[in-house]
PDB file of all heavy atoms in Angstrom:
ATOM      1  N   CYS A   1      46.813  83.815  53.954  1.00  0.00           N
ATOM      2  CA  CYS A   1      45.517  83.108  54.241  1.00  0.00           C
ATOM      3  C   CYS A   1      44.856  82.693  52.902  1.00  0.00           C
ATOM      4  O   CYS A   1      44.924  83.424  51.877  1.00  0.00           O
ATOM      5  CB  CYS A   1      44.586  84.097  54.994  1.00  0.00           C
ATOM      6  SG  CYS A   1      42.960  83.368  55.375  1.00  0.00           S
ATOM      7  N   ASP A   2      44.265  81.502  52.862  1.00  0.00           N
ATOM      8  CA  ASP A   2      43.708  80.927  51.659  1.00  0.00           C
ATOM      9  C   ASP A   2      42.232  81.515  51.456  1.00  0.00           C
ATOM     10  O   ASP A   2      41.618  81.086  50.475  1.00  0.00           O
ATOM     11  CB  ASP A   2      43.672  79.378  51.728  1.00  0.00           C
ATOM     12  CG  ASP A   2      44.991  78.806  51.293  1.00  0.00           C
ATOM     13  OD1 ASP A   2      45.272  78.946  50.149  1.00  0.00           O
ATOM     14  OD2 ASP A   2      45.680  78.285  52.183  1.00  0.00           O
ATOM     15  N   ASN A   3      41.789  82.338  52.355  1.00  0.00           N
ATOM     16  CA  ASN A   3      40.517  82.972  52.162  1.00  0.00           C
ATOM     17  C   ASN A   3      40.707  84.190  51.215  1.00  0.00           C
ATOM     18  O   ASN A   3      41.449  85.155  51.573  1.00  0.00           O
ATOM     19  CB  ASN A   3      39.920  83.422  53.409  1.00  0.00           C
ATOM     20  CG  ASN A   3      38.567  84.101  53.230  1.00  0.00           C
ATOM     21  OD1 ASN A   3      38.011  84.118  52.140  1.00  0.00           O
ATOM     22  ND2 ASN A   3      38.065  84.770  54.275  1.00  0.00           N
ATOM     23  N   PRO A   4      40.181  84.169  49.945  1.00  0.00           N
ATOM     24  CA  PRO A   4      40.433  85.255  49.050  1.00  0.00           C
ATOM     25  C   PRO A   4      39.915  86.592  49.479  1.00  0.00           C
ATOM     26  O   PRO A   4      40.319  87.663  49.076  1.00  0.00           O
ATOM     27  CB  PRO A   4      39.737  84.797  47.711  1.00  0.00           C
ATOM     28  CG  PRO A   4      38.696  83.841  48.174  1.00  0.00           C
ATOM     29  CD  PRO A   4      39.308  83.151  49.323  1.00  0.00           C
ATOM     30  N   ASP A   5      38.964  86.540  50.474  1.00  0.00           N
ATOM     31  CA  ASP A   5      38.385  87.820  50.978  1.00  0.00           C
ATOM     32  C   ASP A   5      38.965  88.226  52.359  1.00  0.00           C
ATOM     33  O   ASP A   5      38.422  89.078  52.989  1.00  0.00           O
ATOM     34  CB  ASP A   5      36.880  87.657  51.153  1.00  0.00           C
ATOM     35  CG  ASP A   5      36.168  87.388  49.834  1.00  0.00           C
ATOM     36  OD1 ASP A   5      36.571  87.887  48.825  1.00  0.00           O
ATOM     37  OD2 ASP A   5      35.171  86.569  49.836  1.00  0.00           O
ATOM     38  N   CYS A   6      40.076  87.640  52.733  1.00  0.00           N
ATOM     39  CA  CYS A   6      40.706  87.911  53.970  1.00  0.00           C
ATOM     40  C   CYS A   6      41.196  89.365  53.961  1.00  0.00           C
ATOM     41  O   CYS A   6      41.941  89.789  53.081  1.00  0.00           O
ATOM     42  CB  CYS A   6      41.895  87.016  54.287  1.00  0.00           C
ATOM     43  SG  CYS A   6      42.751  87.372  55.809  1.00  0.00           S
ATOM     44  N   PRO A   7      40.783  90.193  54.941  1.00  0.00           N
ATOM     45  CA  PRO A   7      41.173  91.653  54.917  1.00  0.00           C
ATOM     46  C   PRO A   7      42.671  91.888  55.249  1.00  0.00           C
ATOM     47  O   PRO A   7      43.248  92.827  54.890  1.00  0.00           O
ATOM     48  CB  PRO A   7      40.277  92.272  56.012  1.00  0.00           C
ATOM     49  CG  PRO A   7      39.979  91.136  56.944  1.00  0.00           C
ATOM     50  CD  PRO A   7      39.910  89.900  56.131  1.00  0.00           C
ATOM     51  N   ILE A   8      43.273  90.922  55.906  1.00  0.00           N
ATOM     52  CA  ILE A   8      44.764  91.081  56.286  1.00  0.00           C
ATOM     53  C   ILE A   8      45.660  90.346  55.307  1.00  0.00           C
ATOM     54  O   ILE A   8      46.609  90.906  54.841  1.00  0.00           O
ATOM     55  CB  ILE A   8      44.919  90.525  57.728  1.00  0.00           C
ATOM     56  CG1 ILE A   8      44.091  91.303  58.742  1.00  0.00           C
ATOM     57  CG2 ILE A   8      46.397  90.648  58.123  1.00  0.00           C
ATOM     58  CD1 ILE A   8      44.173  90.765  60.195  1.00  0.00           C
ATOM     59  N   GLU A   9      45.353  89.108  54.978  1.00  0.00           N
ATOM     60  CA  GLU A   9      45.983  88.372  53.916  1.00  0.00           C
ATOM     61  C   GLU A   9      47.321  87.773  54.298  1.00  0.00           C
ATOM     62  O   GLU A   9      47.581  86.584  54.039  1.00  0.00           O
ATOM     63  CB  GLU A   9      46.093  89.160  52.619  1.00  0.00           C
ATOM     64  CG  GLU A   9      46.458  88.396  51.370  1.00  0.00           C
ATOM     65  CD  GLU A   9      46.487  89.214  50.136  1.00  0.00           C
ATOM     66  OE1 GLU A   9      46.381  90.518  50.253  1.00  0.00           O
ATOM     67  OE2 GLU A   9      46.602  88.699  49.074  1.00  0.00           O
ATOM     68  N   TRP A  10      48.276  88.561  54.854  1.00  0.00           N
ATOM     69  CA  TRP A  10      49.568  88.104  55.168  1.00  0.00           C
ATOM     70  C   TRP A  10      49.830  88.099  56.665  1.00  0.00           C
ATOM     71  O   TRP A  10      49.387  88.973  57.363  1.00  0.00           O
ATOM     72  CB  TRP A  10      50.627  88.936  54.492  1.00  0.00           C
ATOM     73  CG  TRP A  10      50.685  88.678  53.041  1.00  0.00           C
ATOM     74  CD1 TRP A  10      50.005  89.268  52.041  1.00  0.00           C
ATOM     75  CD2 TRP A  10      51.621  87.840  52.334  1.00  0.00           C
ATOM     76  NE1 TRP A  10      50.346  88.812  50.793  1.00  0.00           N
ATOM     77  CE2 TRP A  10      51.371  87.931  50.987  1.00  0.00           C
ATOM     78  CE3 TRP A  10      52.634  86.959  52.758  1.00  0.00           C
ATOM     79  CZ2 TRP A  10      52.050  87.167  50.035  1.00  0.00           C
ATOM     80  CZ3 TRP A  10      53.325  86.228  51.874  1.00  0.00           C
ATOM     81  CH2 TRP A  10      53.025  86.345  50.513  1.00  0.00           C
ATOM     82  N   PHE A  11      50.513  86.973  57.153  1.00  0.00           N
ATOM     83  CA  PHE A  11      50.719  86.818  58.561  1.00  0.00           C
ATOM     84  C   PHE A  11      52.178  86.329  58.852  1.00  0.00           C
ATOM     85  O   PHE A  11      52.673  85.551  58.113  1.00  0.00           O
ATOM     86  CB  PHE A  11      49.723  85.801  59.201  1.00  0.00           C
ATOM     87  CG  PHE A  11      48.318  86.237  59.028  1.00  0.00           C
ATOM     88  CD1 PHE A  11      47.593  86.008  57.819  1.00  0.00           C
ATOM     89  CD2 PHE A  11      47.631  86.920  59.993  1.00  0.00           C
ATOM     90  CE1 PHE A  11      46.297  86.400  57.636  1.00  0.00           C
ATOM     91  CE2 PHE A  11      46.323  87.269  59.858  1.00  0.00           C
ATOM     92  CZ  PHE A  11      45.628  87.042  58.659  1.00  0.00           C
ATOM     93  N   HIS A  12      52.749  86.842  59.918  1.00  0.00           N
ATOM     94  CA  HIS A  12      54.101  86.310  60.345  1.00  0.00           C
ATOM     95  C   HIS A  12      53.842  84.954  61.024  1.00  0.00           C
ATOM     96  O   HIS A  12      52.882  84.758  61.742  1.00  0.00           O
ATOM     97  CB  HIS A  12      54.692  87.304  61.395  1.00  0.00           C
ATOM     98  CG  HIS A  12      54.823  88.711  60.859  1.00  0.00           C
ATOM     99  ND1 HIS A  12      54.090  89.773  61.296  1.00  0.00           N
ATOM    100  CD2 HIS A  12      55.672  89.176  59.922  1.00  0.00           C
ATOM    101  CE1 HIS A  12      54.388  90.893  60.694  1.00  0.00           C
ATOM    102  NE2 HIS A  12      55.377  90.588  59.822  1.00  0.00           N
ATOM    103  N   PHE A  13      54.786  84.125  60.814  1.00  0.00           N
ATOM    104  CA  PHE A  13      54.747  82.697  61.382  1.00  0.00           C
ATOM    105  C   PHE A  13      54.538  82.796  62.923  1.00  0.00           C
ATOM    106  O   PHE A  13      53.720  82.130  63.490  1.00  0.00           O
ATOM    107  CB  PHE A  13      56.032  81.970  61.072  1.00  0.00           C
ATOM    108  CG  PHE A  13      55.889  81.217  59.801  1.00  0.00           C
ATOM    109  CD1 PHE A  13      55.120  81.611  58.743  1.00  0.00           C
ATOM    110  CD2 PHE A  13      56.685  80.061  59.617  1.00  0.00           C
ATOM    111  CE1 PHE A  13      55.020  80.891  57.603  1.00  0.00           C
ATOM    112  CE2 PHE A  13      56.606  79.357  58.391  1.00  0.00           C
ATOM    113  CZ  PHE A  13      55.780  79.786  57.410  1.00  0.00           C
ATOM    114  N   ALA A  14      55.381  83.645  63.599  1.00  0.00           N
ATOM    115  CA  ALA A  14      55.305  83.695  64.984  1.00  0.00           C
ATOM    116  C   ALA A  14      53.980  84.181  65.555  1.00  0.00           C
ATOM    117  O   ALA A  14      53.497  83.744  66.657  1.00  0.00           O
ATOM    118  CB  ALA A  14      56.444  84.622  65.570  1.00  0.00           C
ATOM    119  N   CYS A  15      53.359  85.083  64.829  1.00  0.00           N
ATOM    120  CA  CYS A  15      52.041  85.649  65.309  1.00  0.00           C
ATOM    121  C   CYS A  15      50.924  84.659  65.257  1.00  0.00           C
ATOM    122  O   CYS A  15      49.924  84.881  65.933  1.00  0.00           O
ATOM    123  CB  CYS A  15      51.720  86.918  64.548  1.00  0.00           C
ATOM    124  SG  CYS A  15      52.882  88.288  64.713  1.00  0.00           S
ATOM    125  N   VAL A  16      51.057  83.658  64.400  1.00  0.00           N
ATOM    126  CA  VAL A  16      50.020  82.642  64.250  1.00  0.00           C
ATOM    127  C   VAL A  16      50.467  81.285  64.752  1.00  0.00           C
ATOM    128  O   VAL A  16      49.949  80.285  64.401  1.00  0.00           O
ATOM    129  CB  VAL A  16      49.455  82.583  62.821  1.00  0.00           C
ATOM    130  CG1 VAL A  16      48.707  83.798  62.452  1.00  0.00           C
ATOM    131  CG2 VAL A  16      50.623  82.346  61.768  1.00  0.00           C
ATOM    132  N   ASP A  17      51.488  81.318  65.552  1.00  0.00           N
ATOM    133  CA  ASP A  17      52.013  80.054  66.170  1.00  0.00           C
ATOM    134  C   ASP A  17      52.424  78.968  65.161  1.00  0.00           C
ATOM    135  O   ASP A  17      52.109  77.812  65.296  1.00  0.00           O
ATOM    136  CB  ASP A  17      51.016  79.492  67.174  1.00  0.00           C
ATOM    137  CG  ASP A  17      50.697  80.414  68.334  1.00  0.00           C
ATOM    138  OD1 ASP A  17      51.632  81.178  68.723  1.00  0.00           O
ATOM    139  OD2 ASP A  17      49.599  80.465  68.726  1.00  0.00           O
ATOM    140  N   LEU A  18      53.135  79.405  64.128  1.00  0.00           N
ATOM    141  CA  LEU A  18      53.692  78.517  63.139  1.00  0.00           C
ATOM    142  C   LEU A  18      55.193  78.523  63.058  1.00  0.00           C
ATOM    143  O   LEU A  18      55.811  79.557  63.335  1.00  0.00           O
ATOM    144  CB  LEU A  18      53.067  78.872  61.737  1.00  0.00           C
ATOM    145  CG  LEU A  18      51.623  78.703  61.402  1.00  0.00           C
ATOM    146  CD1 LEU A  18      51.333  79.140  60.021  1.00  0.00           C
ATOM    147  CD2 LEU A  18      51.242  77.229  61.618  1.00  0.00           C
ATOM    148  N   THR A  19      55.755  77.385  62.876  1.00  0.00           N
ATOM    149  CA  THR A  19      57.229  77.306  62.652  1.00  0.00           C
ATOM    150  C   THR A  19      57.559  76.775  61.317  1.00  0.00           C
ATOM    151  O   THR A  19      58.637  77.014  60.769  1.00  0.00           O
ATOM    152  CB  THR A  19      57.856  76.322  63.756  1.00  0.00           C
ATOM    153  OG1 THR A  19      57.178  75.084  63.651  1.00  0.00           O
ATOM    154  CG2 THR A  19      57.682  76.921  65.157  1.00  0.00           C
ATOM    155  N   THR A  20      56.612  76.028  60.671  1.00  0.00           N
ATOM    156  CA  THR A  20      56.780  75.554  59.280  1.00  0.00           C
ATOM    157  C   THR A  20      55.458  75.755  58.507  1.00  0.00           C
ATOM    158  O   THR A  20      54.431  75.914  59.113  1.00  0.00           O
ATOM    159  CB  THR A  20      57.215  74.057  59.263  1.00  0.00           C
ATOM    160  OG1 THR A  20      56.186  73.297  59.907  1.00  0.00           O
ATOM    161  CG2 THR A  20      58.566  73.879  59.954  1.00  0.00           C
ATOM    162  N   LYS A  21      55.562  75.653  57.232  1.00  0.00           N
ATOM    163  CA  LYS A  21      54.378  75.757  56.419  1.00  0.00           C
ATOM    164  C   LYS A  21      53.467  74.548  56.585  1.00  0.00           C
ATOM    165  O   LYS A  21      53.930  73.430  56.444  1.00  0.00           O
ATOM    166  CB  LYS A  21      54.701  75.919  54.938  1.00  0.00           C
ATOM    167  CG  LYS A  21      55.454  77.181  54.611  1.00  0.00           C
ATOM    168  CD  LYS A  21      55.853  77.205  53.125  1.00  0.00           C
ATOM    169  CE  LYS A  21      56.631  78.435  52.803  1.00  0.00           C
ATOM    170  NZ  LYS A  21      57.128  78.479  51.398  1.00  0.00           N
ATOM    171  N   PRO A  22      52.176  74.782  56.985  1.00  0.00           N
ATOM    172  CA  PRO A  22      51.306  73.619  57.132  1.00  0.00           C
ATOM    173  C   PRO A  22      50.928  73.021  55.802  1.00  0.00           C
ATOM    174  O   PRO A  22      50.995  73.617  54.754  1.00  0.00           O
ATOM    175  CB  PRO A  22      50.085  74.212  57.852  1.00  0.00           C
ATOM    176  CG  PRO A  22      50.078  75.639  57.383  1.00  0.00           C
ATOM    177  CD  PRO A  22      51.545  76.052  57.189  1.00  0.00           C
ATOM    178  N   LYS A  23      50.490  71.701  55.862  1.00  0.00           N
ATOM    179  CA  LYS A  23      50.054  71.010  54.709  1.00  0.00           C
ATOM    180  C   LYS A  23      48.608  71.377  54.365  1.00  0.00           C
ATOM    181  O   LYS A  23      47.811  71.607  55.308  1.00  0.00           O
ATOM    182  CB  LYS A  23      50.190  69.514  54.886  1.00  0.00           C
ATOM    183  CG  LYS A  23      51.630  68.991  54.988  1.00  0.00           C
ATOM    184  CD  LYS A  23      51.637  67.531  55.128  1.00  0.00           C
ATOM    185  CE  LYS A  23      53.109  67.025  55.336  1.00  0.00           C
ATOM    186  NZ  LYS A  23      53.176  65.544  55.477  1.00  0.00           N
ATOM    187  N   GLY A  24      48.291  71.427  53.140  1.00  0.00           N
ATOM    188  CA  GLY A  24      46.930  71.784  52.749  1.00  0.00           C
ATOM    189  C   GLY A  24      46.651  73.309  52.864  1.00  0.00           C
ATOM    190  O   GLY A  24      47.553  74.099  52.999  1.00  0.00           O
ATOM    191  N   LYS A  25      45.381  73.622  52.854  1.00  0.00           N
ATOM    192  CA  LYS A  25      45.041  75.027  52.922  1.00  0.00           C
ATOM    193  C   LYS A  25      45.150  75.569  54.350  1.00  0.00           C
ATOM    194  O   LYS A  25      44.930  74.760  55.286  1.00  0.00           O
ATOM    195  CB  LYS A  25      43.598  75.309  52.390  1.00  0.00           C
ATOM    196  CG  LYS A  25      43.415  75.053  50.874  1.00  0.00           C
ATOM    197  CD  LYS A  25      42.090  75.478  50.457  1.00  0.00           C
ATOM    198  CE  LYS A  25      41.927  75.302  48.945  1.00  0.00           C
ATOM    199  NZ  LYS A  25      40.617  75.776  48.460  1.00  0.00           N
TER     200      LYS A  25
END
């Protein structure tokens, strides 16, 4: 996550409905 204060910080692609890296933040 691009939020420097995010308490979790790291996420699996499948858990956040991603298949590829999104563009931008």
